[in-house]
Amino acid sequence: MLSFREAVSEWYAKKGIPIDPVREASALIGSKEGIAHLPLAFINRGDKVLVPDPAYPVYRIATILADGQPISMPLTADNGFLPDIDKAVTDAKLLFINYPNNPTAAVADSDFFRAIVDYASDNDIIVCHDAAYLELTYDGYVAPSFLSAPGAMDVGIEIGSLSKTYNMTGWRIGFAVGNADVIAGLRKVKSNLDSGAFQAVQEAGIAAMTGPQDTVEVLKKLYLERRDALVDGLRNIGWSVDKPKATFYVWVPVPDGSSSLEFSMRLLNAGIVVTPGIGFGDHGEGYIRFALTVPVSTIEEAVTRLQDVM
């Protein structure tokens, strides 16, 4: 619906980023769908795609389904869980990035995005920024949009989700904005593989993006309380944990030297569900991911059980 794309454009205009709703925006059936379809539009057999590691698994899987070759970009604590773009290959066709980040909860600044734009421009690489957690920030931190970097519209797109910001998980509605040629390629694939998002869900998305935004602040306050309950609780039992500035995840080193899967299974036996880092890629080994999607009382109970497990 043009009205949905206009709502997306209005949402970005508030960030100081002009978006043409006709040529530079597209509705998605959830951000995952757009991420998964993008390689089908631009990747031919054997083409290289730069994929962060650890990362949301769809970047790598979508590349494989398009017959592309995923090239790992390690995200390590030493580099703030940012890829070292100076060490990246120069003959790739597509680059995926994601900040604020899942699973590490790391954030990126404008200088990083400028470096990405320069790298992509110099090497003729399409950038796809997964911005699903753009609005879920804390402690006064404001996450920049990739498209706010000079020249970003020339090299890539940003994919957004209403699931996280507006609690619309399961409604399956998101958007892609940015370079008109990349949007056109994505739309060409979508026009052959799906029939568009349900109109009522698009109408709900319009209401969410154009209506009062106080609900977003309420949601952020809720996650902040949960973050503090978890991190403070873990610190109190002797774990070394940083407080993330964004997302609803806490990325924690495995405290006893066991594998992430072994440790996660031990916690599962105590009734605590975490995600082993290895599930996000080889460089996720040694970490587990907590999700702040349960009440504070449940988090406090989990910390009590953790103390008994250790």
C-alpha atoms as a PDB file:
ATOM      1  CA  MET A   1       0.000   0.000   0.000  1.00  0.00           C
ATOM      2  CA  LEU A   2       1.309   3.435  -0.885  1.00  0.00           C
ATOM      3  CA  SER A   3      -0.184   4.754   2.352  1.00  0.00           C
ATOM      4  CA  PHE A   4       2.001   2.315   4.323  1.00  0.00           C
ATOM      5  CA  ARG A   5       5.107   3.383   2.431  1.00  0.00           C
ATOM      6  CA  GLU A   6       4.165   7.007   3.060  1.00  0.00           C
ATOM      7  CA  ALA A   7       3.929   6.260   6.788  1.00  0.00           C
ATOM      8  CA  VAL A   8       7.406   4.716   6.644  1.00  0.00           C
ATOM      9  CA  SER A   9       8.695   7.806   4.833  1.00  0.00           C
ATOM     10  CA  GLU A  10       7.117  10.072   7.441  1.00  0.00           C
ATOM     11  CA  TRP A  11       8.733   7.976  10.204  1.00  0.00           C
ATOM     12  CA  TYR A  12      12.158   8.447   8.597  1.00  0.00           C
ATOM     13  CA  ALA A  13      11.549  12.142   7.963  1.00  0.00           C
ATOM     14  CA  LYS A  14      11.429  12.586  11.738  1.00  0.00           C
ATOM     15  CA  LYS A  15      15.003  11.268  11.760  1.00  0.00           C
ATOM     16  CA  GLY A  16      15.999  13.800   9.117  1.00  0.00           C
ATOM     17  CA  ILE A  17      16.207  11.174   6.368  1.00  0.00           C
ATOM     18  CA  PRO A  18      14.124  11.837   3.225  1.00  0.00           C
ATOM     19  CA  ILE A  19      12.622   8.707   1.639  1.00  0.00           C
ATOM     20  CA  ASP A  20      10.657   8.643  -1.630  1.00  0.00           C
ATOM     21  CA  PRO A  21       7.708   6.366  -0.770  1.00  0.00           C
ATOM     22  CA  VAL A  22       7.257   5.368  -4.414  1.00  0.00           C
ATOM     23  CA  ARG A  23      10.820   4.410  -5.371  1.00  0.00           C
ATOM     24  CA  GLU A  24      12.747   4.071  -2.118  1.00  0.00           C
ATOM     25  CA  ALA A  25      10.414   2.121   0.179  1.00  0.00           C
ATOM     26  CA  SER A  26       8.750  -1.262   0.180  1.00  0.00           C
ATOM     27  CA  ALA A  27       6.505  -3.122   2.595  1.00  0.00           C
ATOM     28  CA  LEU A  28       7.755  -6.492   3.823  1.00  0.00           C
ATOM     29  CA  ILE A  29       5.993  -9.469   5.349  1.00  0.00           C
ATOM     30  CA  GLY A  30       8.275  -9.040   8.340  1.00  0.00           C
ATOM     31  CA  SER A  31      11.920  -8.007   8.145  1.00  0.00           C
ATOM     32  CA  LYS A  32      13.035 -11.662   7.912  1.00  0.00           C
ATOM     33  CA  GLU A  33      11.269 -12.026   4.585  1.00  0.00           C
ATOM     34  CA  GLY A  34      13.088  -9.038   3.098  1.00  0.00           C
ATOM     35  CA  ILE A  35      16.468 -10.249   4.347  1.00  0.00           C
ATOM     36  CA  ALA A  36      15.856 -13.712   2.932  1.00  0.00           C
ATOM     37  CA  HIS A  37      14.651 -12.485  -0.461  1.00  0.00           C
ATOM     38  CA  LEU A  38      17.392  -9.900  -1.051  1.00  0.00           C
ATOM     39  CA  PRO A  39      20.136 -12.376  -2.068  1.00  0.00           C
ATOM     40  CA  LEU A  40      17.759 -13.956  -4.598  1.00  0.00           C
ATOM     41  CA  ALA A  41      17.593 -10.577  -6.332  1.00  0.00           C
ATOM     42  CA  PHE A  42      21.325  -9.954  -6.625  1.00  0.00           C
ATOM     43  CA  ILE A  43      23.385 -13.078  -5.919  1.00  0.00           C
ATOM     44  CA  ASN A  44      24.379 -15.522  -8.629  1.00  0.00           C
ATOM     45  CA  ARG A  45      26.082 -18.879  -8.122  1.00  0.00           C
ATOM     46  CA  GLY A  46      29.397 -18.449  -6.300  1.00  0.00           C
ATOM     47  CA  ASP A  47      29.001 -14.737  -5.559  1.00  0.00           C
ATOM     48  CA  LYS A  48      30.486 -13.775  -2.204  1.00  0.00           C
ATOM     49  CA  VAL A  49      28.326 -12.334   0.548  1.00  0.00           C
ATOM     50  CA  LEU A  50      29.867 -10.861   3.696  1.00  0.00           C
ATOM     51  CA  VAL A  51      28.086 -12.237   6.754  1.00  0.00           C
ATOM     52  CA  PRO A  52      28.855 -11.227  10.355  1.00  0.00           C
ATOM     53  CA  ASP A  53      29.676 -14.011  12.822  1.00  0.00           C
ATOM     54  CA  PRO A  54      27.981 -14.361  15.290  1.00  0.00           C
ATOM     55  CA  ALA A  55      24.775 -13.162  13.655  1.00  0.00           C
ATOM     56  CA  TYR A  56      21.102 -13.702  12.951  1.00  0.00           C
ATOM     57  CA  PRO A  57      21.280 -17.016  11.014  1.00  0.00           C
ATOM     58  CA  VAL A  58      19.105 -15.854   8.105  1.00  0.00           C
ATOM     59  CA  TYR A  59      21.946 -13.820   6.523  1.00  0.00           C
ATOM     60  CA  ARG A  60      24.014 -16.964   5.961  1.00  0.00           C
ATOM     61  CA  ILE A  61      21.094 -19.256   5.143  1.00  0.00           C
ATOM     62  CA  ALA A  62      19.617 -16.845   2.580  1.00  0.00           C
ATOM     63  CA  THR A  63      23.018 -16.596   0.903  1.00  0.00           C
ATOM     64  CA  ILE A  64      23.271 -20.393   0.642  1.00  0.00           C
ATOM     65  CA  LEU A  65      19.736 -20.672  -0.739  1.00  0.00           C
ATOM     66  CA  ALA A  66      20.695 -18.174  -3.456  1.00  0.00           C
ATOM     67  CA  ASP A  67      23.749 -20.305  -4.335  1.00  0.00           C
ATOM     68  CA  GLY A  68      26.045 -17.640  -2.964  1.00  0.00           C
ATOM     69  CA  GLN A  69      29.199 -18.076  -0.907  1.00  0.00           C
ATOM     70  CA  PRO A  70      28.955 -16.710   2.663  1.00  0.00           C
ATOM     71  CA  ILE A  71      32.189 -15.090   3.842  1.00  0.00           C
ATOM     72  CA  SER A  72      32.456 -14.798   7.600  1.00  0.00           C
ATOM     73  CA  MET A  73      33.231 -11.442   9.249  1.00  0.00           C
ATOM     74  CA  PRO A  74      34.249 -12.212  12.855  1.00  0.00           C
ATOM     75  CA  LEU A  75      32.664 -10.052  15.558  1.00  0.00           C
ATOM     76  CA  THR A  76      34.882 -10.111  18.638  1.00  0.00           C
ATOM     77  CA  ALA A  77      34.841  -8.407  22.012  1.00  0.00           C
ATOM     78  CA  ASP A  78      38.239  -6.821  21.282  1.00  0.00           C
ATOM     79  CA  ASN A  79      36.643  -4.804  18.467  1.00  0.00           C
ATOM     80  CA  GLY A  80      33.368  -4.036  20.244  1.00  0.00           C
ATOM     81  CA  PHE A  81      31.645  -6.760  18.203  1.00  0.00           C
ATOM     82  CA  LEU A  82      32.088  -4.696  15.030  1.00  0.00           C
ATOM     83  CA  PRO A  83      33.538  -6.276  11.872  1.00  0.00           C
ATOM     84  CA  ASP A  84      37.060  -5.204  10.925  1.00  0.00           C
ATOM     85  CA  ILE A  85      36.117  -3.841   7.536  1.00  0.00           C
ATOM     86  CA  ASP A  86      39.785  -3.241   6.642  1.00  0.00           C
ATOM     87  CA  LYS A  87      40.253  -7.025   6.584  1.00  0.00           C
ATOM     88  CA  ALA A  88      37.118  -7.767   4.552  1.00  0.00           C
ATOM     89  CA  VAL A  89      37.354  -9.123   1.012  1.00  0.00           C
ATOM     90  CA  THR A  90      36.846  -6.589  -1.762  1.00  0.00           C
ATOM     91  CA  ASP A  91      35.198  -8.862  -4.325  1.00  0.00           C
ATOM     92  CA  ALA A  92      31.911  -9.492  -2.508  1.00  0.00           C
ATOM     93  CA  LYS A  93      28.567  -8.500  -3.967  1.00  0.00           C
ATOM     94  CA  LEU A  94      26.523  -8.017  -0.782  1.00  0.00           C
ATOM     95  CA  LEU A  95      27.272  -7.102   2.845  1.00  0.00           C
ATOM     96  CA  PHE A  96      24.969  -7.676   5.826  1.00  0.00           C
ATOM     97  CA  ILE A  97      25.326  -5.596   8.996  1.00  0.00           C
ATOM     98  CA  ASN A  98      23.048  -5.285  12.039  1.00  0.00           C
ATOM     99  CA  TYR A  99      23.239  -2.569  14.736  1.00  0.00           C
ATOM    100  CA  PRO A 100      22.032  -2.514  17.422  1.00  0.00           C
ATOM    101  CA  ASN A 101      23.134  -6.118  17.162  1.00  0.00           C
ATOM    102  CA  ASN A 102      21.563  -9.500  17.654  1.00  0.00           C
ATOM    103  CA  PRO A 103      22.915 -11.508  19.450  1.00  0.00           C
ATOM    104  CA  THR A 104      25.684  -9.385  21.018  1.00  0.00           C
ATOM    105  CA  ALA A 105      23.606  -6.237  21.784  1.00  0.00           C
ATOM    106  CA  ALA A 106      26.571  -4.200  20.488  1.00  0.00           C
ATOM    107  CA  VAL A 107      26.001  -0.753  19.011  1.00  0.00           C
ATOM    108  CA  ALA A 108      27.659   1.152  16.178  1.00  0.00           C
ATOM    109  CA  ASP A 109      28.330   4.865  15.771  1.00  0.00           C
ATOM    110  CA  SER A 110      28.144   7.147  12.755  1.00  0.00           C
ATOM    111  CA  ASP A 111      31.875   6.779  12.063  1.00  0.00           C
ATOM    112  CA  PHE A 112      31.412   3.039  11.601  1.00  0.00           C
ATOM    113  CA  PHE A 113      28.580   3.552   9.122  1.00  0.00           C
ATOM    114  CA  ARG A 114      30.643   6.111   7.206  1.00  0.00           C
ATOM    115  CA  ALA A 115      33.451   3.568   6.937  1.00  0.00           C
ATOM    116  CA  ILE A 116      30.976   0.988   5.640  1.00  0.00           C
ATOM    117  CA  VAL A 117      29.703   3.418   3.008  1.00  0.00           C
ATOM    118  CA  ASP A 118      33.263   4.185   1.846  1.00  0.00           C
ATOM    119  CA  TYR A 119      34.133   0.483   1.676  1.00  0.00           C
ATOM    120  CA  ALA A 120      30.943  -0.395  -0.241  1.00  0.00           C
ATOM    121  CA  SER A 121      31.353   2.522  -2.636  1.00  0.00           C
ATOM    122  CA  ASP A 122      34.988   1.692  -3.366  1.00  0.00           C
ATOM    123  CA  ASN A 123      34.217  -1.968  -4.054  1.00  0.00           C
ATOM    124  CA  ASP A 124      30.746  -1.788  -5.650  1.00  0.00           C
ATOM    125  CA  ILE A 125      29.090  -3.788  -2.845  1.00  0.00           C
ATOM    126  CA  ILE A 126      25.424  -3.615  -1.819  1.00  0.00           C
ATOM    127  CA  VAL A 127      24.884  -3.008   1.906  1.00  0.00           C
ATOM    128  CA  CYS A 128      21.882  -4.378   3.778  1.00  0.00           C
ATOM    129  CA  HIS A 129      21.510  -2.981   7.287  1.00  0.00           C
ATOM    130  CA  ASP A 130      19.153  -4.950   9.500  1.00  0.00           C
ATOM    131  CA  ALA A 131      17.777  -2.246  11.821  1.00  0.00           C
ATOM    132  CA  ALA A 132      15.231  -4.325  13.741  1.00  0.00           C
ATOM    133  CA  TYR A 133      16.373  -2.979  17.120  1.00  0.00           C
ATOM    134  CA  LEU A 134      16.968   0.633  16.103  1.00  0.00           C
ATOM    135  CA  GLU A 135      14.491   2.102  18.602  1.00  0.00           C
ATOM    136  CA  LEU A 136      15.177  -0.138  21.617  1.00  0.00           C
ATOM    137  CA  THR A 137      17.921   1.904  23.276  1.00  0.00           C
ATOM    138  CA  TYR A 138      18.699   2.894  26.875  1.00  0.00           C
ATOM    139  CA  ASP A 139      20.636   5.271  29.121  1.00  0.00           C
ATOM    140  CA  GLY A 140      20.221   8.209  26.747  1.00  0.00           C
ATOM    141  CA  TYR A 141      21.792   6.380  23.806  1.00  0.00           C
ATOM    142  CA  VAL A 142      20.202   6.988  20.381  1.00  0.00           C
ATOM    143  CA  ALA A 143      21.108   4.508  17.664  1.00  0.00           C
ATOM    144  CA  PRO A 144      21.897   6.120  14.301  1.00  0.00           C
ATOM    145  CA  SER A 145      20.274   4.871  11.134  1.00  0.00           C
ATOM    146  CA  PHE A 146      22.683   3.546   8.521  1.00  0.00           C
ATOM    147  CA  LEU A 147      20.941   5.826   6.025  1.00  0.00           C
ATOM    148  CA  SER A 148      22.009   8.879   8.035  1.00  0.00           C
ATOM    149  CA  ALA A 149      25.594   8.318   6.848  1.00  0.00           C
ATOM    150  CA  PRO A 150      26.550  10.455   3.814  1.00  0.00           C
ATOM    151  CA  GLY A 151      26.328   8.375   0.650  1.00  0.00           C
ATOM    152  CA  ALA A 152      24.448   5.477   2.285  1.00  0.00           C
ATOM    153  CA  MET A 153      21.511   5.837  -0.101  1.00  0.00           C
ATOM    154  CA  ASP A 154      23.925   5.265  -2.981  1.00  0.00           C
ATOM    155  CA  VAL A 155      25.123   1.882  -1.738  1.00  0.00           C
ATOM    156  CA  GLY A 156      22.392   0.125   0.150  1.00  0.00           C
ATOM    157  CA  ILE A 157      19.182  -0.268   2.081  1.00  0.00           C
ATOM    158  CA  GLU A 158      17.947  -0.508   5.646  1.00  0.00           C
ATOM    159  CA  ILE A 159      15.407  -3.102   6.727  1.00  0.00           C
ATOM    160  CA  GLY A 160      13.093  -2.374   9.640  1.00  0.00           C
ATOM    161  CA  SER A 161      10.664  -4.370  11.730  1.00  0.00           C
ATOM    162  CA  LEU A 162       7.544  -3.328  13.606  1.00  0.00           C
ATOM    163  CA  SER A 163       7.770  -6.470  15.725  1.00  0.00           C
ATOM    164  CA  LYS A 164      10.199  -5.122  18.289  1.00  0.00           C
ATOM    165  CA  THR A 165       9.374  -1.417  18.439  1.00  0.00           C
ATOM    166  CA  TYR A 166       5.590  -1.805  18.434  1.00  0.00           C
ATOM    167  CA  ASN A 167       5.092  -5.292  19.902  1.00  0.00           C
ATOM    168  CA  MET A 168       3.755  -6.562  16.572  1.00  0.00           C
ATOM    169  CA  THR A 169       5.605  -9.881  16.578  1.00  0.00           C
ATOM    170  CA  GLY A 170       3.576 -12.425  14.625  1.00  0.00           C
ATOM    171  CA  TRP A 171       1.718  -9.765  12.652  1.00  0.00           C
ATOM    172  CA  ARG A 172       4.499 -10.019  10.046  1.00  0.00           C
ATOM    173  CA  ILE A 173       5.017  -6.441   8.907  1.00  0.00           C
ATOM    174  CA  GLY A 174       8.243  -4.611   8.168  1.00  0.00           C
ATOM    175  CA  PHE A 175       9.811  -2.403   5.533  1.00  0.00           C
ATOM    176  CA  ALA A 176      12.855  -1.852   3.351  1.00  0.00           C
ATOM    177  CA  VAL A 177      14.071   1.656   2.518  1.00  0.00           C
ATOM    178  CA  GLY A 178      17.043   3.050   0.651  1.00  0.00           C
ATOM    179  CA  ASN A 179      18.642   2.812  -2.761  1.00  0.00           C
ATOM    180  CA  ALA A 180      15.936   2.780  -5.446  1.00  0.00           C
ATOM    181  CA  ASP A 181      17.694   0.161  -7.616  1.00  0.00           C
ATOM    182  CA  VAL A 182      18.132  -2.230  -4.701  1.00  0.00           C
ATOM    183  CA  ILE A 183      14.509  -1.723  -3.654  1.00  0.00           C
ATOM    184  CA  ALA A 184      13.419  -2.408  -7.242  1.00  0.00           C
ATOM    185  CA  GLY A 185      15.386  -5.664  -7.307  1.00  0.00           C
ATOM    186  CA  LEU A 186      13.880  -6.783  -4.020  1.00  0.00           C
ATOM    187  CA  ARG A 187      10.381  -5.906  -5.245  1.00  0.00           C
ATOM    188  CA  LYS A 188      10.898  -7.926  -8.431  1.00  0.00           C
ATOM    189  CA  VAL A 189      11.636 -11.040  -6.392  1.00  0.00           C
ATOM    190  CA  LYS A 190       8.759 -10.348  -3.998  1.00  0.00           C
ATOM    191  CA  SER A 191       6.286  -9.835  -6.828  1.00  0.00           C
ATOM    192  CA  ASN A 192       7.004 -13.411  -7.961  1.00  0.00           C
ATOM    193  CA  LEU A 193       7.187 -15.073  -4.533  1.00  0.00           C
ATOM    194  CA  ASP A 194       4.589 -13.385  -2.335  1.00  0.00           C
ATOM    195  CA  SER A 195       1.347 -11.471  -2.654  1.00  0.00           C
ATOM    196  CA  GLY A 196       1.945  -8.671  -0.176  1.00  0.00           C
ATOM    197  CA  ALA A 197       1.162  -8.124   3.483  1.00  0.00           C
ATOM    198  CA  PHE A 198      -2.453  -8.379   4.642  1.00  0.00           C
ATOM    199  CA  GLN A 199      -4.047  -4.920   4.287  1.00  0.00           C
ATOM    200  CA  ALA A 200      -5.351  -4.826   7.872  1.00  0.00           C
ATOM    201  CA  VAL A 201      -1.809  -5.415   9.182  1.00  0.00           C
ATOM    202  CA  GLN A 202      -0.502  -2.607   6.972  1.00  0.00           C
ATOM    203  CA  GLU A 203      -3.227  -0.345   8.368  1.00  0.00           C
ATOM    204  CA  ALA A 204      -2.136  -1.315  11.894  1.00  0.00           C
ATOM    205  CA  GLY A 205       1.455  -0.508  10.934  1.00  0.00           C
ATOM    206  CA  ILE A 206       0.405   2.929   9.721  1.00  0.00           C
ATOM    207  CA  ALA A 207      -1.335   3.559  13.054  1.00  0.00           C
ATOM    208  CA  ALA A 208       1.757   2.446  14.954  1.00  0.00           C
ATOM    209  CA  MET A 209       4.235   4.598  13.036  1.00  0.00           C
ATOM    210  CA  THR A 210       2.134   7.749  12.735  1.00  0.00           C
ATOM    211  CA  GLY A 211       0.379   7.643  16.116  1.00  0.00           C
ATOM    212  CA  PRO A 212       1.640   8.638  19.578  1.00  0.00           C
ATOM    213  CA  GLN A 213       5.054   7.174  20.322  1.00  0.00           C
ATOM    214  CA  ASP A 214       4.688   7.100  24.102  1.00  0.00           C
ATOM    215  CA  THR A 215       4.126   3.344  23.929  1.00  0.00           C
ATOM    216  CA  VAL A 216       7.702   2.952  22.679  1.00  0.00           C
ATOM    217  CA  GLU A 217       9.013   4.770  25.741  1.00  0.00           C
ATOM    218  CA  VAL A 218       6.895   2.540  27.988  1.00  0.00           C
ATOM    219  CA  LEU A 219       8.329  -0.542  26.289  1.00  0.00           C
ATOM    220  CA  LYS A 220      11.901   0.734  26.630  1.00  0.00           C
ATOM    221  CA  LYS A 221      11.361   1.398  30.344  1.00  0.00           C
ATOM    222  CA  LEU A 222      10.096  -2.158  30.763  1.00  0.00           C
ATOM    223  CA  TYR A 223      13.142  -3.660  29.057  1.00  0.00           C
ATOM    224  CA  LEU A 224      15.447  -1.346  31.006  1.00  0.00           C
ATOM    225  CA  GLU A 225      14.038  -2.629  34.306  1.00  0.00           C
ATOM    226  CA  ARG A 226      14.515  -6.192  33.129  1.00  0.00           C
ATOM    227  CA  ARG A 227      18.045  -5.498  31.886  1.00  0.00           C
ATOM    228  CA  ASP A 228      19.064  -4.013  35.223  1.00  0.00           C
ATOM    229  CA  ALA A 229      17.459  -6.878  37.149  1.00  0.00           C
ATOM    230  CA  LEU A 230      19.368  -9.450  35.108  1.00  0.00           C
ATOM    231  CA  VAL A 231      22.750  -7.723  34.870  1.00  0.00           C
ATOM    232  CA  ASP A 232      22.784  -6.611  38.508  1.00  0.00           C
ATOM    233  CA  GLY A 233      21.694 -10.079  39.560  1.00  0.00           C
ATOM    234  CA  LEU A 234      24.417 -11.778  37.534  1.00  0.00           C
ATOM    235  CA  ARG A 235      27.043  -9.403  38.867  1.00  0.00           C
ATOM    236  CA  ASN A 236      25.903 -10.126  42.424  1.00  0.00           C
ATOM    237  CA  ILE A 237      26.635 -13.826  41.942  1.00  0.00           C
ATOM    238  CA  GLY A 238      30.067 -13.100  40.486  1.00  0.00           C
ATOM    239  CA  TRP A 239      29.509 -13.023  36.724  1.00  0.00           C
ATOM    240  CA  SER A 240      31.273 -10.466  34.534  1.00  0.00           C
ATOM    241  CA  VAL A 241      28.537  -8.776  32.494  1.00  0.00           C
ATOM    242  CA  ASP A 242      28.293  -5.469  30.636  1.00  0.00           C
ATOM    243  CA  LYS A 243      25.039  -3.518  30.532  1.00  0.00           C
ATOM    244  CA  PRO A 244      23.916  -3.296  26.896  1.00  0.00           C
ATOM    245  CA  LYS A 245      22.821   0.065  25.513  1.00  0.00           C
ATOM    246  CA  ALA A 246      20.251  -1.456  23.169  1.00  0.00           C
ATOM    247  CA  THR A 247      18.138  -4.485  22.145  1.00  0.00           C
ATOM    248  CA  PHE A 248      16.473  -6.863  24.601  1.00  0.00           C
ATOM    249  CA  TYR A 249      19.422  -9.248  24.754  1.00  0.00           C
ATOM    250  CA  VAL A 250      22.320  -9.705  27.159  1.00  0.00           C
ATOM    251  CA  TRP A 251      25.392 -11.431  25.667  1.00  0.00           C
ATOM    252  CA  VAL A 252      27.383 -13.138  28.387  1.00  0.00           C
ATOM    253  CA  PRO A 253      30.660 -15.107  28.372  1.00  0.00           C
ATOM    254  CA  VAL A 254      30.206 -18.676  29.607  1.00  0.00           C
ATOM    255  CA  PRO A 255      31.560 -18.396  33.152  1.00  0.00           C
ATOM    256  CA  ASP A 256      33.071 -21.857  33.665  1.00  0.00           C
ATOM    257  CA  GLY A 257      34.951 -22.612  30.437  1.00  0.00           C
ATOM    258  CA  SER A 258      32.493 -25.214  29.154  1.00  0.00           C
ATOM    259  CA  SER A 259      31.032 -25.034  25.656  1.00  0.00           C
ATOM    260  CA  SER A 260      28.052 -22.774  25.107  1.00  0.00           C
ATOM    261  CA  LEU A 261      25.858 -25.762  24.258  1.00  0.00           C
ATOM    262  CA  GLU A 262      26.926 -27.762  27.317  1.00  0.00           C
ATOM    263  CA  PHE A 263      26.357 -24.816  29.613  1.00  0.00           C
ATOM    264  CA  SER A 264      22.978 -24.028  28.042  1.00  0.00           C
ATOM    265  CA  MET A 265      21.875 -27.634  28.514  1.00  0.00           C
ATOM    266  CA  ARG A 266      22.909 -27.526  32.163  1.00  0.00           C
ATOM    267  CA  LEU A 267      20.830 -24.381  32.655  1.00  0.00           C
ATOM    268  CA  LEU A 268      17.911 -25.960  30.801  1.00  0.00           C
ATOM    269  CA  ASN A 269      17.951 -28.812  33.281  1.00  0.00           C
ATOM    270  CA  ALA A 270      17.508 -26.154  35.992  1.00  0.00           C
ATOM    271  CA  GLY A 271      14.545 -24.658  34.142  1.00  0.00           C
ATOM    272  CA  ILE A 272      16.470 -21.710  32.653  1.00  0.00           C
ATOM    273  CA  VAL A 273      16.324 -21.141  28.896  1.00  0.00           C
ATOM    274  CA  VAL A 274      19.226 -19.329  27.205  1.00  0.00           C
ATOM    275  CA  THR A 275      20.556 -19.544  23.666  1.00  0.00           C
ATOM    276  CA  PRO A 276      24.019 -21.046  23.131  1.00  0.00           C
ATOM    277  CA  GLY A 277      26.300 -18.697  21.211  1.00  0.00           C
ATOM    278  CA  ILE A 278      27.393 -21.403  18.783  1.00  0.00           C
ATOM    279  CA  GLY A 279      23.900 -21.213  17.276  1.00  0.00           C
ATOM    280  CA  PHE A 280      24.812 -17.811  15.842  1.00  0.00           C
ATOM    281  CA  GLY A 281      28.099 -18.900  14.260  1.00  0.00           C
ATOM    282  CA  ASP A 282      31.542 -20.218  15.146  1.00  0.00           C
ATOM    283  CA  HIS A 283      32.573 -16.924  16.764  1.00  0.00           C
ATOM    284  CA  GLY A 284      29.588 -17.117  19.068  1.00  0.00           C
ATOM    285  CA  GLU A 285      31.191 -20.012  20.909  1.00  0.00           C
ATOM    286  CA  GLY A 286      32.031 -19.167  24.497  1.00  0.00           C
ATOM    287  CA  TYR A 287      28.912 -17.012  24.964  1.00  0.00           C
ATOM    288  CA  ILE A 288      25.240 -17.418  25.832  1.00  0.00           C
ATOM    289  CA  ARG A 289      22.389 -15.026  25.033  1.00  0.00           C
ATOM    290  CA  PHE A 290      19.729 -14.068  27.566  1.00  0.00           C
ATOM    291  CA  ALA A 291      16.470 -12.528  26.272  1.00  0.00           C
ATOM    292  CA  LEU A 292      14.656  -9.904  28.351  1.00  0.00           C
ATOM    293  CA  THR A 293      11.237 -11.190  27.311  1.00  0.00           C
ATOM    294  CA  VAL A 294      10.047 -12.343  30.746  1.00  0.00           C
ATOM    295  CA  PRO A 295       8.958 -10.359  33.839  1.00  0.00           C
ATOM    296  CA  VAL A 296      11.429  -9.106  36.446  1.00  0.00           C
ATOM    297  CA  SER A 297      10.146 -11.684  38.946  1.00  0.00           C
ATOM    298  CA  THR A 298      11.037 -14.491  36.528  1.00  0.00           C
ATOM    299  CA  ILE A 299      14.475 -12.984  35.915  1.00  0.00           C
ATOM    300  CA  GLU A 300      15.117 -12.821  39.656  1.00  0.00           C
ATOM    301  CA  GLU A 301      14.076 -16.467  40.009  1.00  0.00           C
ATOM    302  CA  ALA A 302      16.456 -17.394  37.155  1.00  0.00           C
ATOM    303  CA  VAL A 303      19.366 -15.650  38.902  1.00  0.00           C
ATOM    304  CA  THR A 304      18.576 -17.544  42.122  1.00  0.00           C
ATOM    305  CA  ARG A 305      18.608 -20.825  40.211  1.00  0.00           C
ATOM    306  CA  LEU A 306      21.862 -19.857  38.476  1.00  0.00           C
ATOM    307  CA  GLN A 307      23.513 -19.408  41.835  1.00  0.00           C
ATOM    308  CA  ASP A 308      22.474 -22.945  42.757  1.00  0.00           C
ATOM    309  CA  VAL A 309      23.721 -24.363  39.419  1.00  0.00           C
ATOM    310  CA  MET A 310      27.195 -22.821  39.627  1.00  0.00           C
END
